[in-house]
Amino acid sequence: MKTVFIENQSRPLSQPVRAGYCQSFRCQLRGFTFRRQIDPQEALLLVQHRDSRLDSSIHMMFVWTDLAVVWINSAMEVVDVRLARQWRPAYISTRPACYVLEMAPQRLAEFQVGDRLRLVETATA
């Protein structure tokens, strides 16, 4: 899986978000399931083909920790931010999104609806 850095162009981040770029159905289904703890530097960026509320919905079944979840549209604008509680059946963004950023709950306050983000791909060897 490739890795990307996510920059918040609207407000500085306490530390860079380094996220696994998760495009496949299998990768997205797996997400952070069966994990008891998420490191603050760890994140997953779930990538959809288009802006959609349904396609960007997430489940928290078998996720044993809460997650900060940021929904981002194809224009790289944050459209929803929530704390997703463990073992909940589903979370759906209030507006269509193309990307879903999942990370440790302590990072939740670093993103707000309306923020402009930028993806920076890491160099491959």
N, C-alpha and C. Protein backbone atom coordinates (compact mmCIF):
# COMPACT_ATOMS: atom_id res chain seq x y z
N MET A 1 0.86 -1.18 0.00
CA MET A 1 0.00 0.00 0.00
C MET A 1 0.90 1.23 0.00
N LYS A 2 0.56 2.19 -0.86
CA LYS A 2 1.37 3.41 -0.87
C LYS A 2 0.99 4.29 0.31
N THR A 3 1.86 5.24 0.60
CA THR A 3 1.66 6.14 1.73
C THR A 3 1.58 7.58 1.22
N VAL A 4 0.70 8.37 1.83
CA VAL A 4 0.58 9.79 1.50
C VAL A 4 0.67 10.61 2.78
N PHE A 5 1.10 11.85 2.65
CA PHE A 5 1.05 12.81 3.74
C PHE A 5 -0.13 13.71 3.48
N ILE A 6 -0.84 14.06 4.54
CA ILE A 6 -2.00 14.94 4.42
C ILE A 6 -1.66 16.24 5.14
N GLU A 7 -1.76 17.33 4.39
CA GLU A 7 -1.51 18.65 4.94
C GLU A 7 -2.83 19.39 5.06
N ASN A 8 -3.01 20.09 6.17
CA ASN A 8 -4.18 20.94 6.35
C ASN A 8 -3.75 22.36 5.99
N GLN A 9 -4.22 22.86 4.87
CA GLN A 9 -3.83 24.19 4.42
C GLN A 9 -4.58 25.29 5.14
N SER A 10 -5.59 24.95 5.92
CA SER A 10 -6.38 25.94 6.65
C SER A 10 -5.87 26.18 8.07
N ARG A 11 -5.19 25.21 8.63
CA ARG A 11 -4.67 25.34 10.01
C ARG A 11 -3.49 24.39 10.17
N PRO A 12 -2.49 24.79 10.93
CA PRO A 12 -1.32 23.91 11.09
C PRO A 12 -1.66 22.66 11.91
N LEU A 13 -1.02 21.56 11.56
CA LEU A 13 -1.19 20.30 12.29
C LEU A 13 -0.09 20.17 13.33
N SER A 14 -0.39 19.49 14.43
CA SER A 14 0.61 19.28 15.48
C SER A 14 1.76 18.41 14.97
N GLN A 15 1.45 17.49 14.08
CA GLN A 15 2.44 16.65 13.43
C GLN A 15 1.82 16.17 12.11
N PRO A 16 2.64 15.86 11.13
CA PRO A 16 2.08 15.44 9.84
C PRO A 16 1.22 14.18 9.97
N VAL A 17 0.21 14.10 9.14
CA VAL A 17 -0.60 12.88 9.07
C VAL A 17 -0.01 12.03 7.94
N ARG A 18 0.49 10.89 8.30
CA ARG A 18 1.03 9.93 7.33
C ARG A 18 0.03 8.79 7.24
N ALA A 19 -0.57 8.64 6.07
CA ALA A 19 -1.68 7.69 5.93
C ALA A 19 -1.42 6.65 4.85
N GLY A 20 -1.86 5.43 5.13
CA GLY A 20 -1.88 4.41 4.10
C GLY A 20 -2.99 4.74 3.12
N TYR A 21 -2.70 4.67 1.83
CA TYR A 21 -3.64 5.01 0.77
C TYR A 21 -4.40 3.74 0.41
N CYS A 22 -5.63 3.65 0.85
CA CYS A 22 -6.41 2.41 0.83
C CYS A 22 -7.50 2.50 -0.26
N GLN A 23 -7.22 1.88 -1.42
CA GLN A 23 -8.16 1.94 -2.55
C GLN A 23 -9.00 0.69 -2.72
N SER A 24 -8.47 -0.46 -2.38
CA SER A 24 -9.18 -1.71 -2.65
C SER A 24 -10.31 -1.94 -1.64
N PHE A 25 -11.33 -2.67 -2.08
CA PHE A 25 -12.44 -3.01 -1.20
C PHE A 25 -11.94 -3.76 0.03
N ARG A 26 -11.04 -4.68 -0.19
CA ARG A 26 -10.51 -5.49 0.92
C ARG A 26 -9.80 -4.61 1.96
N CYS A 27 -8.96 -3.72 1.49
CA CYS A 27 -8.24 -2.82 2.39
C CYS A 27 -9.23 -1.95 3.17
N GLN A 28 -10.24 -1.44 2.50
CA GLN A 28 -11.21 -0.59 3.16
C GLN A 28 -12.08 -1.37 4.14
N LEU A 29 -12.45 -2.58 3.80
CA LEU A 29 -13.25 -3.41 4.69
C LEU A 29 -12.47 -3.73 5.96
N ARG A 30 -11.20 -4.02 5.79
CA ARG A 30 -10.33 -4.35 6.93
C ARG A 30 -10.08 -3.12 7.80
N GLY A 31 -9.71 -2.00 7.19
CA GLY A 31 -9.48 -0.76 7.93
C GLY A 31 -8.69 -1.00 9.21
N PHE A 32 -9.24 -0.54 10.32
CA PHE A 32 -8.61 -0.73 11.62
C PHE A 32 -9.30 -1.81 12.46
N THR A 33 -10.00 -2.75 11.80
CA THR A 33 -10.66 -3.81 12.55
C THR A 33 -9.62 -4.66 13.29
N PHE A 34 -10.04 -5.17 14.42
CA PHE A 34 -9.24 -6.03 15.30
C PHE A 34 -8.06 -5.32 15.93
N ARG A 35 -8.01 -4.01 15.84
CA ARG A 35 -6.93 -3.23 16.45
C ARG A 35 -7.40 -2.69 17.79
N ARG A 36 -6.60 -2.85 18.82
CA ARG A 36 -6.96 -2.36 20.16
C ARG A 36 -6.46 -0.94 20.40
N GLN A 37 -5.51 -0.50 19.59
CA GLN A 37 -4.93 0.82 19.80
C GLN A 37 -4.42 1.36 18.46
N ILE A 38 -4.56 2.67 18.26
CA ILE A 38 -4.06 3.33 17.06
C ILE A 38 -3.05 4.38 17.52
N ASP A 39 -1.86 4.33 16.96
CA ASP A 39 -0.82 5.30 17.28
C ASP A 39 -1.20 6.66 16.68
N PRO A 40 -0.93 7.78 17.37
CA PRO A 40 -1.30 9.11 16.83
C PRO A 40 -0.69 9.42 15.47
N GLN A 41 0.39 8.77 15.09
CA GLN A 41 0.99 9.00 13.78
C GLN A 41 0.41 8.09 12.70
N GLU A 42 -0.45 7.17 13.09
CA GLU A 42 -1.02 6.20 12.17
C GLU A 42 -2.34 6.71 11.59
N ALA A 43 -2.57 6.43 10.32
CA ALA A 43 -3.84 6.81 9.70
C ALA A 43 -4.06 5.99 8.44
N LEU A 44 -5.32 5.91 8.04
CA LEU A 44 -5.70 5.29 6.77
C LEU A 44 -6.54 6.30 5.99
N LEU A 45 -6.29 6.39 4.70
CA LEU A 45 -7.10 7.21 3.82
C LEU A 45 -7.85 6.26 2.89
N LEU A 46 -9.16 6.13 3.11
CA LEU A 46 -10.00 5.26 2.30
C LEU A 46 -10.45 6.07 1.08
N VAL A 47 -10.18 5.54 -0.10
CA VAL A 47 -10.38 6.30 -1.35
C VAL A 47 -11.53 5.70 -2.15
N GLN A 48 -12.50 6.56 -2.48
CA GLN A 48 -13.63 6.16 -3.32
C GLN A 48 -13.44 6.72 -4.73
N HIS A 49 -14.27 6.30 -5.67
CA HIS A 49 -14.15 6.75 -7.05
C HIS A 49 -14.89 8.05 -7.31
N ARG A 50 -15.80 8.42 -6.40
CA ARG A 50 -16.61 9.62 -6.61
C ARG A 50 -17.12 10.11 -5.26
N ASP A 51 -17.59 11.33 -5.24
CA ASP A 51 -18.22 11.86 -4.03
C ASP A 51 -19.56 11.14 -3.82
N SER A 52 -19.75 10.59 -2.63
CA SER A 52 -20.98 9.86 -2.32
C SER A 52 -21.11 9.73 -0.81
N ARG A 53 -22.31 9.85 -0.31
CA ARG A 53 -22.53 9.62 1.12
C ARG A 53 -22.49 8.12 1.42
N LEU A 54 -23.15 7.33 0.59
CA LEU A 54 -23.23 5.89 0.82
C LEU A 54 -21.87 5.21 0.65
N ASP A 55 -21.18 5.51 -0.45
CA ASP A 55 -19.90 4.87 -0.71
C ASP A 55 -18.84 5.22 0.33
N SER A 56 -18.96 6.39 0.95
CA SER A 56 -17.96 6.80 1.94
C SER A 56 -18.38 6.47 3.37
N SER A 57 -19.46 5.72 3.53
CA SER A 57 -19.87 5.31 4.88
C SER A 57 -18.88 4.29 5.43
N ILE A 58 -18.77 4.24 6.74
CA ILE A 58 -17.86 3.29 7.39
C ILE A 58 -18.60 2.47 8.44
N HIS A 59 -18.04 1.33 8.78
CA HIS A 59 -18.57 0.52 9.88
C HIS A 59 -17.53 0.50 10.98
N MET A 60 -17.96 0.23 12.19
CA MET A 60 -17.04 0.13 13.33
C MET A 60 -17.15 -1.23 14.00
N MET A 61 -17.71 -2.20 13.27
CA MET A 61 -17.81 -3.55 13.81
C MET A 61 -16.41 -4.17 13.90
N PHE A 62 -16.10 -4.76 15.02
CA PHE A 62 -14.81 -5.38 15.30
C PHE A 62 -13.67 -4.36 15.36
N VAL A 63 -14.01 -3.10 15.48
CA VAL A 63 -13.01 -2.06 15.75
C VAL A 63 -13.06 -1.83 17.25
N TRP A 64 -11.96 -2.11 17.93
CA TRP A 64 -11.94 -2.11 19.39
C TRP A 64 -11.42 -0.83 19.99
N THR A 65 -11.42 0.24 19.21
CA THR A 65 -11.01 1.55 19.70
C THR A 65 -11.79 2.62 18.95
N ASP A 66 -12.00 3.78 19.56
CA ASP A 66 -12.64 4.88 18.86
C ASP A 66 -11.69 5.44 17.81
N LEU A 67 -12.24 6.09 16.80
CA LEU A 67 -11.44 6.69 15.73
C LEU A 67 -11.90 8.11 15.44
N ALA A 68 -10.96 8.97 15.10
CA ALA A 68 -11.28 10.28 14.52
C ALA A 68 -11.50 10.02 13.04
N VAL A 69 -12.62 10.51 12.50
CA VAL A 69 -12.94 10.28 11.10
C VAL A 69 -13.21 11.63 10.44
N VAL A 70 -12.53 11.84 9.31
CA VAL A 70 -12.67 13.08 8.54
C VAL A 70 -13.09 12.70 7.13
N TRP A 71 -14.25 13.21 6.69
CA TRP A 71 -14.72 12.98 5.33
C TRP A 71 -14.29 14.16 4.48
N ILE A 72 -13.75 13.85 3.29
CA ILE A 72 -13.17 14.86 2.41
C ILE A 72 -13.75 14.66 1.01
N ASN A 73 -14.19 15.75 0.38
CA ASN A 73 -14.75 15.61 -0.97
C ASN A 73 -13.65 15.66 -2.02
N SER A 74 -14.01 15.51 -3.29
CA SER A 74 -13.03 15.46 -4.37
C SER A 74 -12.33 16.80 -4.58
N ALA A 75 -12.87 17.88 -4.05
CA ALA A 75 -12.22 19.19 -4.11
C ALA A 75 -11.24 19.37 -2.94
N MET A 76 -11.04 18.31 -2.16
CA MET A 76 -10.13 18.30 -1.00
C MET A 76 -10.59 19.24 0.12
N GLU A 77 -11.90 19.33 0.28
CA GLU A 77 -12.50 20.13 1.35
C GLU A 77 -13.11 19.18 2.38
N VAL A 78 -12.87 19.43 3.65
CA VAL A 78 -13.46 18.63 4.72
C VAL A 78 -14.96 18.91 4.76
N VAL A 79 -15.77 17.84 4.65
CA VAL A 79 -17.22 17.99 4.63
C VAL A 79 -17.88 17.47 5.91
N ASP A 80 -17.15 16.68 6.71
CA ASP A 80 -17.70 16.19 7.98
C ASP A 80 -16.55 15.68 8.84
N VAL A 81 -16.70 15.80 10.14
CA VAL A 81 -15.70 15.34 11.10
C VAL A 81 -16.46 14.73 12.28
N ARG A 82 -16.06 13.52 12.66
CA ARG A 82 -16.75 12.88 13.80
C ARG A 82 -15.83 11.96 14.57
N LEU A 83 -16.19 11.76 15.82
CA LEU A 83 -15.57 10.71 16.62
C LEU A 83 -16.42 9.47 16.41
N ALA A 84 -15.84 8.45 15.81
CA ALA A 84 -16.57 7.20 15.56
C ALA A 84 -16.30 6.27 16.74
N ARG A 85 -17.34 5.87 17.40
CA ARG A 85 -17.24 5.01 18.58
C ARG A 85 -17.12 3.55 18.18
N GLN A 86 -16.33 2.82 18.93
CA GLN A 86 -16.12 1.40 18.65
C GLN A 86 -17.44 0.63 18.65
N TRP A 87 -17.49 -0.38 17.81
CA TRP A 87 -18.59 -1.33 17.71
C TRP A 87 -19.92 -0.72 17.28
N ARG A 88 -19.92 0.43 16.64
CA ARG A 88 -21.17 0.98 16.11
C ARG A 88 -21.35 0.44 14.68
N PRO A 89 -22.59 0.21 14.26
CA PRO A 89 -22.79 -0.41 12.96
C PRO A 89 -22.34 0.46 11.79
N ALA A 90 -22.60 1.78 11.81
CA ALA A 90 -22.24 2.59 10.64
C ALA A 90 -22.19 4.07 10.98
N TYR A 91 -21.36 4.76 10.21
CA TYR A 91 -21.30 6.22 10.23
C TYR A 91 -21.36 6.68 8.79
N ILE A 92 -22.21 7.69 8.53
CA ILE A 92 -22.38 8.23 7.19
C ILE A 92 -22.18 9.74 7.26
N SER A 93 -21.40 10.25 6.33
CA SER A 93 -21.14 11.68 6.26
C SER A 93 -22.42 12.46 5.99
N THR A 94 -22.47 13.68 6.49
CA THR A 94 -23.64 14.54 6.23
C THR A 94 -23.67 15.04 4.79
N ARG A 95 -22.49 15.07 4.14
CA ARG A 95 -22.38 15.51 2.74
C ARG A 95 -21.54 14.49 1.97
N PRO A 96 -21.70 14.41 0.65
CA PRO A 96 -20.93 13.45 -0.14
C PRO A 96 -19.42 13.64 0.01
N ALA A 97 -18.70 12.53 0.06
CA ALA A 97 -17.25 12.55 0.22
C ALA A 97 -16.62 11.51 -0.70
N CYS A 98 -15.37 11.77 -1.04
CA CYS A 98 -14.59 10.88 -1.89
C CYS A 98 -13.51 10.16 -1.08
N TYR A 99 -13.09 10.79 0.01
CA TYR A 99 -12.04 10.25 0.87
C TYR A 99 -12.54 10.19 2.31
N VAL A 100 -12.08 9.16 3.03
CA VAL A 100 -12.37 9.05 4.45
C VAL A 100 -11.03 8.86 5.16
N LEU A 101 -10.69 9.78 6.02
CA LEU A 101 -9.45 9.72 6.78
C LEU A 101 -9.77 9.20 8.18
N GLU A 102 -9.17 8.06 8.52
CA GLU A 102 -9.36 7.46 9.85
C GLU A 102 -8.04 7.54 10.60
N MET A 103 -8.11 7.98 11.87
CA MET A 103 -6.89 8.12 12.67
C MET A 103 -7.24 8.08 14.15
N ALA A 104 -6.22 8.22 14.99
CA ALA A 104 -6.39 8.18 16.44
C ALA A 104 -7.31 9.32 16.90
N PRO A 105 -8.13 9.08 17.91
CA PRO A 105 -9.11 10.08 18.35
C PRO A 105 -8.51 11.41 18.80
N GLN A 106 -7.28 11.40 19.31
CA GLN A 106 -6.68 12.65 19.79
C GLN A 106 -6.39 13.64 18.65
N ARG A 107 -6.48 13.21 17.40
CA ARG A 107 -6.25 14.09 16.26
C ARG A 107 -7.53 14.79 15.78
N LEU A 108 -8.67 14.47 16.35
CA LEU A 108 -9.96 14.97 15.88
C LEU A 108 -10.03 16.50 15.83
N ALA A 109 -9.51 17.18 16.82
CA ALA A 109 -9.62 18.64 16.91
C ALA A 109 -8.79 19.37 15.85
N GLU A 110 -7.92 18.65 15.13
CA GLU A 110 -7.06 19.29 14.14
C GLU A 110 -7.77 19.54 12.80
N PHE A 111 -9.01 19.07 12.67
CA PHE A 111 -9.74 19.21 11.41
C PHE A 111 -11.14 19.75 11.69
N GLN A 112 -11.59 20.64 10.82
CA GLN A 112 -12.93 21.20 10.92
C GLN A 112 -13.57 21.24 9.54
N VAL A 113 -14.90 21.20 9.52
CA VAL A 113 -15.63 21.31 8.26
C VAL A 113 -15.21 22.61 7.57
N GLY A 114 -14.91 22.50 6.28
CA GLY A 114 -14.49 23.66 5.50
C GLY A 114 -12.98 23.76 5.31
N ASP A 115 -12.20 23.02 6.10
CA ASP A 115 -10.74 23.04 5.94
C ASP A 115 -10.38 22.55 4.54
N ARG A 116 -9.33 23.12 3.99
CA ARG A 116 -8.77 22.69 2.70
C ARG A 116 -7.55 21.83 2.97
N LEU A 117 -7.53 20.64 2.36
CA LEU A 117 -6.43 19.71 2.58
C LEU A 117 -5.64 19.51 1.29
N ARG A 118 -4.47 18.92 1.45
CA ARG A 118 -3.62 18.60 0.30
C ARG A 118 -2.98 17.24 0.56
N LEU A 119 -2.99 16.37 -0.46
CA LEU A 119 -2.32 15.07 -0.40
C LEU A 119 -0.96 15.18 -1.06
N VAL A 120 0.04 14.68 -0.37
CA VAL A 120 1.40 14.67 -0.91
C VAL A 120 1.86 13.22 -0.92
N GLU A 121 2.13 12.69 -2.12
CA GLU A 121 2.60 11.31 -2.20
C GLU A 121 4.04 11.23 -1.77
N THR A 122 4.40 10.15 -1.08
CA THR A 122 5.78 9.94 -0.68
C THR A 122 6.55 9.40 -1.86
N ALA A 123 7.82 9.68 -1.87
CA ALA A 123 8.68 9.18 -2.94
C ALA A 123 8.83 7.68 -2.81
N THR A 124 8.80 6.98 -3.92
CA THR A 124 8.99 5.53 -3.90
C THR A 124 10.41 5.22 -4.30
N ALA A 125 10.94 4.19 -3.69
CA ALA A 125 12.35 3.83 -3.96
C ALA A 125 12.45 2.96 -5.18
